[in-house]
Amino acid sequence: MAAMDLFGRRWALRILWELRSGPLGARALLARCEGMSSSVLYQRLRELTSSGIIAQSTDGYELTRLGTALSHALRPLDEWAAVWAQEQEREGEEPTET
Protein backbone atom coordinates (compact mmCIF):
# COMPACT_ATOMS: atom_id res chain seq x y z
CA MET A 1 0.00 0.00 0.00
CA ALA A 2 1.35 3.43 -0.91
CA ALA A 3 1.82 5.87 1.96
CA MET A 4 -0.54 8.46 0.51
CA ASP A 5 -3.25 5.82 0.08
CA LEU A 6 -2.88 4.85 3.72
CA PHE A 7 -2.81 8.42 5.04
CA GLY A 8 -5.73 9.38 2.83
CA ARG A 9 -7.99 6.86 4.48
CA ARG A 10 -10.51 8.36 6.82
CA TRP A 11 -9.28 8.64 10.42
CA ALA A 12 -5.73 7.39 9.73
CA LEU A 13 -4.04 10.75 10.31
CA ARG A 14 -6.27 11.47 13.29
CA ILE A 15 -5.18 8.22 14.93
CA LEU A 16 -1.54 9.11 14.34
CA TRP A 17 -2.17 12.59 15.72
CA GLU A 18 -3.69 11.18 18.90
CA LEU A 19 -0.70 8.85 19.39
CA ARG A 20 1.86 11.66 19.11
CA SER A 21 2.05 12.15 22.89
CA GLY A 22 2.31 8.49 23.84
CA PRO A 23 0.56 5.14 23.83
CA LEU A 24 -3.21 4.88 23.99
CA GLY A 25 -5.54 1.94 24.21
CA ALA A 26 -8.24 1.32 21.64
CA ARG A 27 -11.00 2.62 23.93
CA ALA A 28 -9.12 5.86 24.57
CA LEU A 29 -8.54 6.32 20.84
CA LEU A 30 -12.19 5.70 20.12
CA ALA A 31 -13.20 8.28 22.75
CA ARG A 32 -10.82 10.89 21.28
CA CYS A 33 -12.07 10.30 17.74
CA GLU A 34 -15.72 11.16 18.18
CA GLY A 35 -17.82 9.77 15.36
CA MET A 36 -15.47 6.95 14.39
CA SER A 37 -16.91 3.45 14.55
CA SER A 38 -15.03 0.72 16.37
CA SER A 39 -14.84 -1.36 13.19
CA VAL A 40 -13.10 1.50 11.34
CA LEU A 41 -10.76 2.05 14.28
CA TYR A 42 -9.65 -1.57 14.34
CA GLN A 43 -9.25 -1.65 10.55
CA ARG A 44 -7.01 1.45 10.64
CA LEU A 45 -5.03 0.07 13.57
CA ARG A 46 -4.39 -3.14 11.60
CA GLU A 47 -3.33 -1.17 8.53
CA LEU A 48 -1.05 1.18 10.46
CA THR A 49 0.45 -1.73 12.39
CA SER A 50 1.10 -3.82 9.29
CA SER A 51 2.71 -0.75 7.68
CA GLY A 52 5.15 -0.43 10.58
CA ILE A 53 3.92 3.01 11.63
CA ILE A 54 2.41 1.96 14.94
CA ALA A 55 2.90 -1.03 17.22
CA GLN A 56 0.85 -2.60 19.96
CA SER A 57 2.49 -2.67 23.37
CA THR A 58 1.34 -3.44 26.89
CA ASP A 59 0.34 0.24 27.18
CA GLY A 60 -1.78 0.21 24.04
CA TYR A 61 -0.89 1.42 20.57
CA GLU A 62 2.13 3.63 20.05
CA LEU A 63 4.14 5.19 17.27
CA THR A 64 7.15 3.25 16.05
CA ARG A 65 10.39 4.94 15.03
CA LEU A 66 8.88 5.42 11.57
CA GLY A 67 5.67 6.75 13.06
CA THR A 68 7.58 9.24 15.19
CA ALA A 69 9.49 10.42 12.11
CA LEU A 70 6.16 10.87 10.33
CA SER A 71 4.86 12.86 13.28
CA HIS A 72 7.83 15.21 12.94
CA ALA A 73 7.21 15.49 9.19
CA LEU A 74 3.57 16.48 9.81
CA ARG A 75 4.46 19.23 12.29
CA PRO A 76 4.85 21.92 9.56
CA LEU A 77 1.37 21.05 8.26
CA ASP A 78 -0.02 21.49 11.77
CA GLU A 79 1.71 24.87 12.06
CA TRP A 80 0.31 25.93 8.69
CA ALA A 81 -3.19 24.84 9.75
CA ALA A 82 -2.97 27.02 12.87
CA VAL A 83 -2.03 30.06 10.78
CA TRP A 84 -4.81 29.29 8.32
CA ALA A 85 -7.37 29.03 11.12
CA GLN A 86 -6.28 32.42 12.49
CA GLU A 87 -6.63 33.97 9.04
CA GLN A 88 -10.11 32.51 8.69
CA GLU A 89 -11.12 33.94 12.06
CA ARG A 90 -9.78 37.38 11.12
CA GLU A 91 -11.84 37.30 7.95
CA GLY A 92 -14.91 36.39 9.98
CA GLU A 93 -15.24 32.90 8.57
CA GLU A 94 -15.33 29.63 10.36
CA PRO A 95 -12.54 27.26 9.28
CA THR A 96 -13.98 24.11 7.77
CA GLU A 97 -13.14 20.79 9.42
CA THR A 98 -11.26 18.21 7.40
PDB file of N, CA and C in Angstrom:
ATOM      1  N   MET A   1       0.845  -1.174   0.000  1.00  0.00           N
ATOM      2  CA  MET A   1       0.000   0.000   0.000  1.00  0.00           C
ATOM      3  C   MET A   1       0.893   1.241   0.000  1.00  0.00           C
ATOM      4  N   ALA A   2       0.589   2.180  -0.845  1.00  0.00           N
ATOM      5  CA  ALA A   2       1.347   3.427  -0.909  1.00  0.00           C
ATOM      6  C   ALA A   2       1.016   4.285   0.313  1.00  0.00           C
ATOM      7  N   ALA A   3       1.998   5.046   0.763  1.00  0.00           N
ATOM      8  CA  ALA A   3       1.825   5.865   1.961  1.00  0.00           C
ATOM      9  C   ALA A   3       0.648   6.831   1.812  1.00  0.00           C
ATOM     10  N   MET A   4       0.544   7.495   0.682  1.00  0.00           N
ATOM     11  CA  MET A   4      -0.540   8.462   0.511  1.00  0.00           C
ATOM     12  C   MET A   4      -1.912   7.779   0.509  1.00  0.00           C
ATOM     13  N   ASP A   5      -1.988   6.559   0.016  1.00  0.00           N
ATOM     14  CA  ASP A   5      -3.245   5.818   0.082  1.00  0.00           C
ATOM     15  C   ASP A   5      -3.618   5.541   1.533  1.00  0.00           C
ATOM     16  N   LEU A   6      -2.633   5.141   2.316  1.00  0.00           N
ATOM     17  CA  LEU A   6      -2.878   4.848   3.724  1.00  0.00           C
ATOM     18  C   LEU A   6      -3.278   6.107   4.482  1.00  0.00           C
ATOM     19  N   PHE A   7      -2.530   7.187   4.297  1.00  0.00           N
ATOM     20  CA  PHE A   7      -2.807   8.418   5.038  1.00  0.00           C
ATOM     21  C   PHE A   7      -4.089   9.095   4.570  1.00  0.00           C
ATOM     22  N   GLY A   8      -4.507   8.800   3.354  1.00  0.00           N
ATOM     23  CA  GLY A   8      -5.730   9.379   2.831  1.00  0.00           C
ATOM     24  C   GLY A   8      -6.985   8.682   3.315  1.00  0.00           C
ATOM     25  N   ARG A   9      -6.821   7.559   3.964  1.00  0.00           N
ATOM     26  CA  ARG A   9      -7.993   6.855   4.482  1.00  0.00           C
ATOM     27  C   ARG A   9      -8.554   7.591   5.688  1.00  0.00           C
ATOM     28  N   ARG A  10      -9.848   7.621   5.745  1.00  0.00           N
ATOM     29  CA  ARG A  10     -10.511   8.359   6.824  1.00  0.00           C
ATOM     30  C   ARG A  10     -10.026   7.882   8.183  1.00  0.00           C
ATOM     31  N   TRP A  11      -9.696   8.815   9.041  1.00  0.00           N
ATOM     32  CA  TRP A  11      -9.276   8.639  10.422  1.00  0.00           C
ATOM     33  C   TRP A  11      -7.817   8.225  10.598  1.00  0.00           C
ATOM     34  N   ALA A  12      -7.109   7.852   9.560  1.00  0.00           N
ATOM     35  CA  ALA A  12      -5.725   7.387   9.725  1.00  0.00           C
ATOM     36  C   ALA A  12      -4.843   8.475  10.333  1.00  0.00           C
ATOM     37  N   LEU A  13      -4.871   9.675   9.775  1.00  0.00           N
ATOM     38  CA  LEU A  13      -4.039  10.753  10.312  1.00  0.00           C
ATOM     39  C   LEU A  13      -4.493  11.167  11.703  1.00  0.00           C
ATOM     40  N   ARG A  14      -5.767  11.110  11.954  1.00  0.00           N
ATOM     41  CA  ARG A  14      -6.269  11.470  13.292  1.00  0.00           C
ATOM     42  C   ARG A  14      -5.744  10.495  14.335  1.00  0.00           C
ATOM     43  N   ILE A  15      -5.715   9.217  14.008  1.00  0.00           N
ATOM     44  CA  ILE A  15      -5.177   8.216  14.934  1.00  0.00           C
ATOM     45  C   ILE A  15      -3.709   8.502  15.210  1.00  0.00           C
ATOM     46  N   LEU A  16      -2.959   8.782  14.164  1.00  0.00           N
ATOM     47  CA  LEU A  16      -1.539   9.107  14.341  1.00  0.00           C
ATOM     48  C   LEU A  16      -1.378  10.366  15.177  1.00  0.00           C
ATOM     49  N   TRP A  17      -2.219  11.352  14.957  1.00  0.00           N
ATOM     50  CA  TRP A  17      -2.171  12.593  15.720  1.00  0.00           C
ATOM     51  C   TRP A  17      -2.407  12.316  17.211  1.00  0.00           C
ATOM     52  N   GLU A  18      -3.370  11.486  17.509  1.00  0.00           N
ATOM     53  CA  GLU A  18      -3.687  11.179  18.900  1.00  0.00           C
ATOM     54  C   GLU A  18      -2.564  10.392  19.582  1.00  0.00           C
ATOM     55  N   LEU A  19      -1.797   9.644  18.818  1.00  0.00           N
ATOM     56  CA  LEU A  19      -0.703   8.847  19.393  1.00  0.00           C
ATOM     57  C   LEU A  19       0.591   9.637  19.535  1.00  0.00           C
ATOM     58  N   ARG A  20       0.616  10.888  19.113  1.00  0.00           N
ATOM     59  CA  ARG A  20       1.861  11.662  19.108  1.00  0.00           C
ATOM     60  C   ARG A  20       2.433  11.883  20.509  1.00  0.00           C
ATOM     61  N   SER A  21       1.578  11.878  21.527  1.00  0.00           N
ATOM     62  CA  SER A  21       2.046  12.146  22.892  1.00  0.00           C
ATOM     63  C   SER A  21       2.307  10.892  23.701  1.00  0.00           C
ATOM     64  N   GLY A  22       2.062   9.743  23.119  1.00  0.00           N
ATOM     65  CA  GLY A  22       2.314   8.492  23.838  1.00  0.00           C
ATOM     66  C   GLY A  22       1.263   7.452  23.556  1.00  0.00           C
ATOM     67  N   PRO A  23       1.464   6.264  24.103  1.00  0.00           N
ATOM     68  CA  PRO A  23       0.561   5.143  23.831  1.00  0.00           C
ATOM     69  C   PRO A  23      -0.858   5.392  24.341  1.00  0.00           C
ATOM     70  N   LEU A  24      -1.802   4.835  23.603  1.00  0.00           N
ATOM     71  CA  LEU A  24      -3.210   4.877  23.994  1.00  0.00           C
ATOM     72  C   LEU A  24      -3.849   3.538  23.664  1.00  0.00           C
ATOM     73  N   GLY A  25      -4.769   3.137  24.494  1.00  0.00           N
ATOM     74  CA  GLY A  25      -5.541   1.941  24.215  1.00  0.00           C
ATOM     75  C   GLY A  25      -6.620   2.229  23.187  1.00  0.00           C
ATOM     76  N   ALA A  26      -7.214   1.169  22.674  1.00  0.00           N
ATOM     77  CA  ALA A  26      -8.240   1.321  21.642  1.00  0.00           C
ATOM     78  C   ALA A  26      -9.438   2.115  22.156  1.00  0.00           C
ATOM     79  N   ARG A  27      -9.850   1.880  23.391  1.00  0.00           N
ATOM     80  CA  ARG A  27     -11.004   2.621  23.933  1.00  0.00           C
ATOM     81  C   ARG A  27     -10.707   4.112  24.038  1.00  0.00           C
ATOM     82  N   ALA A  28      -9.494   4.450  24.466  1.00  0.00           N
ATOM     83  CA  ALA A  28      -9.118   5.863  24.566  1.00  0.00           C
ATOM     84  C   ALA A  28      -9.077   6.504  23.184  1.00  0.00           C
ATOM     85  N   LEU A  29      -8.557   5.786  22.204  1.00  0.00           N
ATOM     86  CA  LEU A  29      -8.539   6.317  20.839  1.00  0.00           C
ATOM     87  C   LEU A  29      -9.955   6.542  20.324  1.00  0.00           C
ATOM     88  N   LEU A  30     -10.805   5.589  20.574  1.00  0.00           N
ATOM     89  CA  LEU A  30     -12.191   5.704  20.118  1.00  0.00           C
ATOM     90  C   LEU A  30     -12.877   6.909  20.773  1.00  0.00           C
ATOM     91  N   ALA A  31     -12.609   7.144  22.049  1.00  0.00           N
ATOM     92  CA  ALA A  31     -13.199   8.281  22.751  1.00  0.00           C
ATOM     93  C   ALA A  31     -12.673   9.605  22.208  1.00  0.00           C
ATOM     94  N   ARG A  32     -11.415   9.650  21.801  1.00  0.00           N
ATOM     95  CA  ARG A  32     -10.822  10.888  21.284  1.00  0.00           C
ATOM     96  C   ARG A  32     -11.234  11.174  19.844  1.00  0.00           C
ATOM     97  N   CYS A  33     -11.688  10.161  19.149  1.00  0.00           N
ATOM     98  CA  CYS A  33     -12.067  10.305  17.738  1.00  0.00           C
ATOM     99  C   CYS A  33     -13.584  10.184  17.625  1.00  0.00           C
ATOM    100  N   GLU A  34     -14.266  11.167  18.151  1.00  0.00           N
ATOM    101  CA  GLU A  34     -15.721  11.155  18.184  1.00  0.00           C
ATOM    102  C   GLU A  34     -16.286  10.977  16.773  1.00  0.00           C
ATOM    103  N   GLY A  35     -17.184  10.023  16.647  1.00  0.00           N
ATOM    104  CA  GLY A  35     -17.815   9.773  15.363  1.00  0.00           C
ATOM    105  C   GLY A  35     -17.215   8.603  14.594  1.00  0.00           C
ATOM    106  N   MET A  36     -16.091   8.083  15.067  1.00  0.00           N
ATOM    107  CA  MET A  36     -15.475   6.948  14.386  1.00  0.00           C
ATOM    108  C   MET A  36     -16.060   5.656  14.959  1.00  0.00           C
ATOM    109  N   SER A  37     -16.385   4.730  14.082  1.00  0.00           N
ATOM    110  CA  SER A  37     -16.910   3.450  14.546  1.00  0.00           C
ATOM    111  C   SER A  37     -15.764   2.560  15.009  1.00  0.00           C
ATOM    112  N   SER A  38     -16.073   1.629  15.878  1.00  0.00           N
ATOM    113  CA  SER A  38     -15.035   0.719  16.374  1.00  0.00           C
ATOM    114  C   SER A  38     -14.495  -0.161  15.245  1.00  0.00           C
ATOM    115  N   SER A  39     -15.334  -0.521  14.288  1.00  0.00           N
ATOM    116  CA  SER A  39     -14.840  -1.361  13.188  1.00  0.00           C
ATOM    117  C   SER A  39     -13.819  -0.607  12.335  1.00  0.00           C
ATOM    118  N   VAL A  40     -14.057   0.685  12.097  1.00  0.00           N
ATOM    119  CA  VAL A  40     -13.104   1.495  11.336  1.00  0.00           C
ATOM    120  C   VAL A  40     -11.817   1.661  12.145  1.00  0.00           C
ATOM    121  N   LEU A  41     -11.942   1.911  13.446  1.00  0.00           N
ATOM    122  CA  LEU A  41     -10.756   2.046  14.285  1.00  0.00           C
ATOM    123  C   LEU A  41      -9.877   0.808  14.174  1.00  0.00           C
ATOM    124  N   TYR A  42     -10.459  -0.350  14.366  1.00  0.00           N
ATOM    125  CA  TYR A  42      -9.652  -1.574  14.343  1.00  0.00           C
ATOM    126  C   TYR A  42      -9.079  -1.858  12.959  1.00  0.00           C
ATOM    127  N   GLN A  43      -9.788  -1.492  11.908  1.00  0.00           N
ATOM    128  CA  GLN A  43      -9.250  -1.646  10.550  1.00  0.00           C
ATOM    129  C   GLN A  43      -8.034  -0.745  10.361  1.00  0.00           C
ATOM    130  N   ARG A  44      -8.139   0.524  10.780  1.00  0.00           N
ATOM    131  CA  ARG A  44      -7.007   1.452  10.643  1.00  0.00           C
ATOM    132  C   ARG A  44      -5.837   1.013  11.511  1.00  0.00           C
ATOM    133  N   LEU A  45      -6.120   0.537  12.714  1.00  0.00           N
ATOM    134  CA  LEU A  45      -5.032   0.067  13.574  1.00  0.00           C
ATOM    135  C   LEU A  45      -4.296  -1.107  12.922  1.00  0.00           C
ATOM    136  N   ARG A  46      -5.035  -2.007  12.306  1.00  0.00           N
ATOM    137  CA  ARG A  46      -4.395  -3.137  11.602  1.00  0.00           C
ATOM    138  C   ARG A  46      -3.542  -2.632  10.448  1.00  0.00           C
ATOM    139  N   GLU A  47      -4.070  -1.697   9.675  1.00  0.00           N
ATOM    140  CA  GLU A  47      -3.327  -1.166   8.527  1.00  0.00           C
ATOM    141  C   GLU A  47      -2.068  -0.423   8.972  1.00  0.00           C
ATOM    142  N   LEU A  48      -2.199   0.410   9.989  1.00  0.00           N
ATOM    143  CA  LEU A  48      -1.047   1.182  10.464  1.00  0.00           C
ATOM    144  C   LEU A  48      -0.001   0.276  11.126  1.00  0.00           C
ATOM    145  N   THR A  49      -0.470  -0.779  11.786  1.00  0.00           N
ATOM    146  CA  THR A  49       0.454  -1.734  12.393  1.00  0.00           C
ATOM    147  C   THR A  49       1.185  -2.535  11.318  1.00  0.00           C
ATOM    148  N   SER A  50       0.455  -3.024  10.342  1.00  0.00           N
ATOM    149  CA  SER A  50       1.100  -3.816   9.289  1.00  0.00           C
ATOM    150  C   SER A  50       2.036  -2.973   8.436  1.00  0.00           C
ATOM    151  N   SER A  51       1.825  -1.657   8.427  1.00  0.00           N
ATOM    152  CA  SER A  51       2.707  -0.754   7.678  1.00  0.00           C
ATOM    153  C   SER A  51       3.940  -0.349   8.482  1.00  0.00           C
ATOM    154  N   GLY A  52       3.990  -0.746   9.752  1.00  0.00           N
ATOM    155  CA  GLY A  52       5.150  -0.434  10.584  1.00  0.00           C
ATOM    156  C   GLY A  52       5.151   0.962  11.166  1.00  0.00           C
ATOM    157  N   ILE A  53       4.002   1.632  11.133  1.00  0.00           N
ATOM    158  CA  ILE A  53       3.920   3.009  11.629  1.00  0.00           C
ATOM    159  C   ILE A  53       3.534   3.053  13.099  1.00  0.00           C
ATOM    160  N   ILE A  54       2.729   2.094  13.525  1.00  0.00           N
ATOM    161  CA  ILE A  54       2.411   1.957  14.942  1.00  0.00           C
ATOM    162  C   ILE A  54       2.672   0.517  15.359  1.00  0.00           C
ATOM    163  N   ALA A  55       2.733   0.310  16.659  1.00  0.00           N
ATOM    164  CA  ALA A  55       2.905  -1.031  17.217  1.00  0.00           C
ATOM    165  C   ALA A  55       2.019  -1.141  18.446  1.00  0.00           C
ATOM    166  N   GLN A  56       1.645  -2.366  18.749  1.00  0.00           N
ATOM    167  CA  GLN A  56       0.850  -2.596  19.955  1.00  0.00           C
ATOM    168  C   GLN A  56       1.799  -3.005  21.066  1.00  0.00           C
ATOM    169  N   SER A  57       1.662  -2.353  22.209  1.00  0.00           N
ATOM    170  CA  SER A  57       2.492  -2.667  23.370  1.00  0.00           C
ATOM    171  C   SER A  57       1.575  -2.960  24.549  1.00  0.00           C
ATOM    172  N   THR A  58       2.158  -3.193  25.706  1.00  0.00           N
ATOM    173  CA  THR A  58       1.341  -3.438  26.893  1.00  0.00           C
ATOM    174  C   THR A  58       0.563  -2.197  27.301  1.00  0.00           C
ATOM    175  N   ASP A  59       1.013  -1.025  26.865  1.00  0.00           N
ATOM    176  CA  ASP A  59       0.338   0.239  27.185  1.00  0.00           C
ATOM    177  C   ASP A  59      -0.708   0.631  26.155  1.00  0.00           C
ATOM    178  N   GLY A  60      -0.831  -0.113  25.100  1.00  0.00           N
ATOM    179  CA  GLY A  60      -1.777   0.207  24.038  1.00  0.00           C
ATOM    180  C   GLY A  60      -1.071   0.302  22.706  1.00  0.00           C
ATOM    181  N   TYR A  61      -1.515   1.195  21.872  1.00  0.00           N
ATOM    182  CA  TYR A  61      -0.891   1.423  20.566  1.00  0.00           C
ATOM    183  C   TYR A  61       0.026   2.625  20.675  1.00  0.00           C
ATOM    184  N   GLU A  62       1.168   2.536  19.998  1.00  0.00           N
ATOM    185  CA  GLU A  62       2.131   3.632  20.046  1.00  0.00           C
ATOM    186  C   GLU A  62       2.841   3.762  18.712  1.00  0.00           C
ATOM    187  N   LEU A  63       3.381   4.957  18.489  1.00  0.00           N
ATOM    188  CA  LEU A  63       4.141   5.190  17.269  1.00  0.00           C
ATOM    189  C   LEU A  63       5.450   4.418  17.308  1.00  0.00           C
ATOM    190  N   THR A  64       5.833   3.865  16.185  1.00  0.00           N
ATOM    191  CA  THR A  64       7.146   3.255  16.054  1.00  0.00           C
ATOM    192  C   THR A  64       8.150   4.355  15.700  1.00  0.00           C
ATOM    193  N   ARG A  65       9.375   3.973  15.468  1.00  0.00           N
ATOM    194  CA  ARG A  65      10.387   4.943  15.033  1.00  0.00           C
ATOM    195  C   ARG A  65       9.937   5.625  13.747  1.00  0.00           C
ATOM    196  N   LEU A  66       9.404   4.846  12.814  1.00  0.00           N
ATOM    197  CA  LEU A  66       8.882   5.423  11.566  1.00  0.00           C
ATOM    198  C   LEU A  66       7.691   6.334  11.825  1.00  0.00           C
ATOM    199  N   GLY A  67       6.828   5.925  12.727  1.00  0.00           N
ATOM    200  CA  GLY A  67       5.671   6.746  13.064  1.00  0.00           C
ATOM    201  C   GLY A  67       6.064   8.055  13.716  1.00  0.00           C
ATOM    202  N   THR A  68       7.085   8.016  14.554  1.00  0.00           N
ATOM    203  CA  THR A  68       7.575   9.239  15.186  1.00  0.00           C
ATOM    204  C   THR A  68       8.179  10.163  14.143  1.00  0.00           C
ATOM    205  N   ALA A  69       8.916   9.605  13.197  1.00  0.00           N
ATOM    206  CA  ALA A  69       9.488  10.419  12.111  1.00  0.00           C
ATOM    207  C   ALA A  69       8.371  11.052  11.295  1.00  0.00           C
ATOM    208  N   LEU A  70       7.309  10.313  11.050  1.00  0.00           N
ATOM    209  CA  LEU A  70       6.160  10.866  10.335  1.00  0.00           C
ATOM    210  C   LEU A  70       5.532  11.998  11.130  1.00  0.00           C
ATOM    211  N   SER A  71       5.421  11.825  12.422  1.00  0.00           N
ATOM    212  CA  SER A  71       4.861  12.863  13.279  1.00  0.00           C
ATOM    213  C   SER A  71       5.659  14.154  13.156  1.00  0.00           C
ATOM    214  N   HIS A  72       6.980  14.032  13.115  1.00  0.00           N
ATOM    215  CA  HIS A  72       7.829  15.211  12.937  1.00  0.00           C
ATOM    216  C   HIS A  72       7.622  15.823  11.548  1.00  0.00           C
ATOM    217  N   ALA A  73       7.412  14.992  10.557  1.00  0.00           N
ATOM    218  CA  ALA A  73       7.208  15.489   9.192  1.00  0.00           C
ATOM    219  C   ALA A  73       5.870  16.224   9.069  1.00  0.00           C
ATOM    220  N   LEU A  74       4.889  15.853   9.870  1.00  0.00           N
ATOM    221  CA  LEU A  74       3.573  16.480   9.808  1.00  0.00           C
ATOM    222  C   LEU A  74       3.493  17.778  10.610  1.00  0.00           C
ATOM    223  N   ARG A  75       4.480  18.026  11.452  1.00  0.00           N
ATOM    224  CA  ARG A  75       4.456  19.228  12.289  1.00  0.00           C
ATOM    225  C   ARG A  75       4.315  20.519  11.475  1.00  0.00           C
ATOM    226  N   PRO A  76       5.048  20.689  10.347  1.00  0.00           N
ATOM    227  CA  PRO A  76       4.848  21.919   9.558  1.00  0.00           C
ATOM    228  C   PRO A  76       3.415  22.066   9.036  1.00  0.00           C
ATOM    229  N   LEU A  77       2.760  20.982   8.700  1.00  0.00           N
ATOM    230  CA  LEU A  77       1.369  21.051   8.261  1.00  0.00           C
ATOM    231  C   LEU A  77       0.476  21.523   9.402  1.00  0.00           C
ATOM    232  N   ASP A  78       0.736  21.052  10.607  1.00  0.00           N
ATOM    233  CA  ASP A  78      -0.023  21.487  11.768  1.00  0.00           C
ATOM    234  C   ASP A  78       0.187  22.982  12.020  1.00  0.00           C
ATOM    235  N   GLU A  79       1.415  23.439  11.880  1.00  0.00           N
ATOM    236  CA  GLU A  79       1.710  24.868  12.059  1.00  0.00           C
ATOM    237  C   GLU A  79       0.999  25.704  10.998  1.00  0.00           C
ATOM    238  N   TRP A  80       1.007  25.231   9.758  1.00  0.00           N
ATOM    239  CA  TRP A  80       0.312  25.933   8.691  1.00  0.00           C
ATOM    240  C   TRP A  80      -1.182  25.991   8.992  1.00  0.00           C
ATOM    241  N   ALA A  81      -1.758  24.893   9.460  1.00  0.00           N
ATOM    242  CA  ALA A  81      -3.193  24.840   9.747  1.00  0.00           C
ATOM    243  C   ALA A  81      -3.568  25.844  10.835  1.00  0.00           C
ATOM    244  N   ALA A  82      -2.695  26.040  11.820  1.00  0.00           N
ATOM    245  CA  ALA A  82      -2.971  27.017  12.875  1.00  0.00           C
ATOM    246  C   ALA A  82      -2.997  28.435  12.300  1.00  0.00           C
ATOM    247  N   VAL A  83      -2.054  28.746  11.421  1.00  0.00           N
ATOM    248  CA  VAL A  83      -2.027  30.064  10.778  1.00  0.00           C
ATOM    249  C   VAL A  83      -3.268  30.248   9.916  1.00  0.00           C
ATOM    250  N   TRP A  84      -3.625  29.239   9.174  1.00  0.00           N
ATOM    251  CA  TRP A  84      -4.806  29.289   8.316  1.00  0.00           C
ATOM    252  C   TRP A  84      -6.069  29.543   9.139  1.00  0.00           C
ATOM    253  N   ALA A  85      -6.200  28.851  10.272  1.00  0.00           N
ATOM    254  CA  ALA A  85      -7.375  29.026  11.125  1.00  0.00           C
ATOM    255  C   ALA A  85      -7.443  30.459  11.650  1.00  0.00           C
ATOM    256  N   GLN A  86      -6.310  31.031  12.016  1.00  0.00           N
ATOM    257  CA  GLN A  86      -6.282  32.421  12.487  1.00  0.00           C
ATOM    258  C   GLN A  86      -6.714  33.381  11.378  1.00  0.00           C
ATOM    259  N   GLU A  87      -6.240  33.132  10.173  1.00  0.00           N
ATOM    260  CA  GLU A  87      -6.626  33.972   9.036  1.00  0.00           C
ATOM    261  C   GLU A  87      -8.126  33.883   8.787  1.00  0.00           C
ATOM    262  N   GLN A  88      -8.670  32.697   8.893  1.00  0.00           N
ATOM    263  CA  GLN A  88     -10.109  32.514   8.690  1.00  0.00           C
ATOM    264  C   GLN A  88     -10.897  33.270   9.745  1.00  0.00           C
ATOM    265  N   GLU A  89     -10.426  33.231  10.980  1.00  0.00           N
ATOM    266  CA  GLU A  89     -11.116  33.945  12.063  1.00  0.00           C
ATOM    267  C   GLU A  89     -11.061  35.450  11.835  1.00  0.00           C
ATOM    268  N   ARG A  90      -9.911  35.948  11.383  1.00  0.00           N
ATOM    269  CA  ARG A  90      -9.781  37.383  11.117  1.00  0.00           C
ATOM    270  C   ARG A  90     -10.721  37.833  10.016  1.00  0.00           C
ATOM    271  N   GLU A  91     -10.948  36.969   9.060  1.00  0.00           N
ATOM    272  CA  GLU A  91     -11.842  37.295   7.950  1.00  0.00           C
ATOM    273  C   GLU A  91     -13.310  37.054   8.305  1.00  0.00           C
ATOM    274  N   GLY A  92     -13.553  36.603   9.526  1.00  0.00           N
ATOM    275  CA  GLY A  92     -14.914  36.387   9.984  1.00  0.00           C
ATOM    276  C   GLY A  92     -15.541  35.103   9.500  1.00  0.00           C
ATOM    277  N   GLU A  93     -14.714  34.184   9.041  1.00  0.00           N
ATOM    278  CA  GLU A  93     -15.237  32.899   8.568  1.00  0.00           C
ATOM    279  C   GLU A  93     -14.848  31.812   9.541  1.00  0.00           C
ATOM    280  N   GLU A  94     -15.644  30.805   9.562  1.00  0.00           N
ATOM    281  CA  GLU A  94     -15.332  29.629  10.357  1.00  0.00           C
ATOM    282  C   GLU A  94     -14.466  28.698   9.511  1.00  0.00           C
ATOM    283  N   PRO A  95     -13.327  28.239  10.050  1.00  0.00           N
ATOM    284  CA  PRO A  95     -12.542  27.256   9.278  1.00  0.00           C
ATOM    285  C   PRO A  95     -13.333  25.958   9.148  1.00  0.00           C
ATOM    286  N   THR A  96     -13.272  25.353   7.985  1.00  0.00           N
ATOM    287  CA  THR A  96     -13.978  24.106   7.774  1.00  0.00           C
ATOM    288  C   THR A  96     -13.147  22.967   8.324  1.00  0.00           C
ATOM    289  N   GLU A  97     -13.831  21.968   8.888  1.00  0.00           N
ATOM    290  CA  GLU A  97     -13.135  20.789   9.416  1.00  0.00           C
ATOM    291  C   GLU A  97     -12.801  19.859   8.277  1.00  0.00           C
ATOM    292  N   THR A  98     -11.655  19.192   8.420  1.00  0.00           N
ATOM    293  CA  THR A  98     -11.256  18.212   7.401  1.00  0.00           C
ATOM    294  C   THR A  98     -11.426  16.836   7.922  1.00  0.00           C
TER     295      THR A  98
END
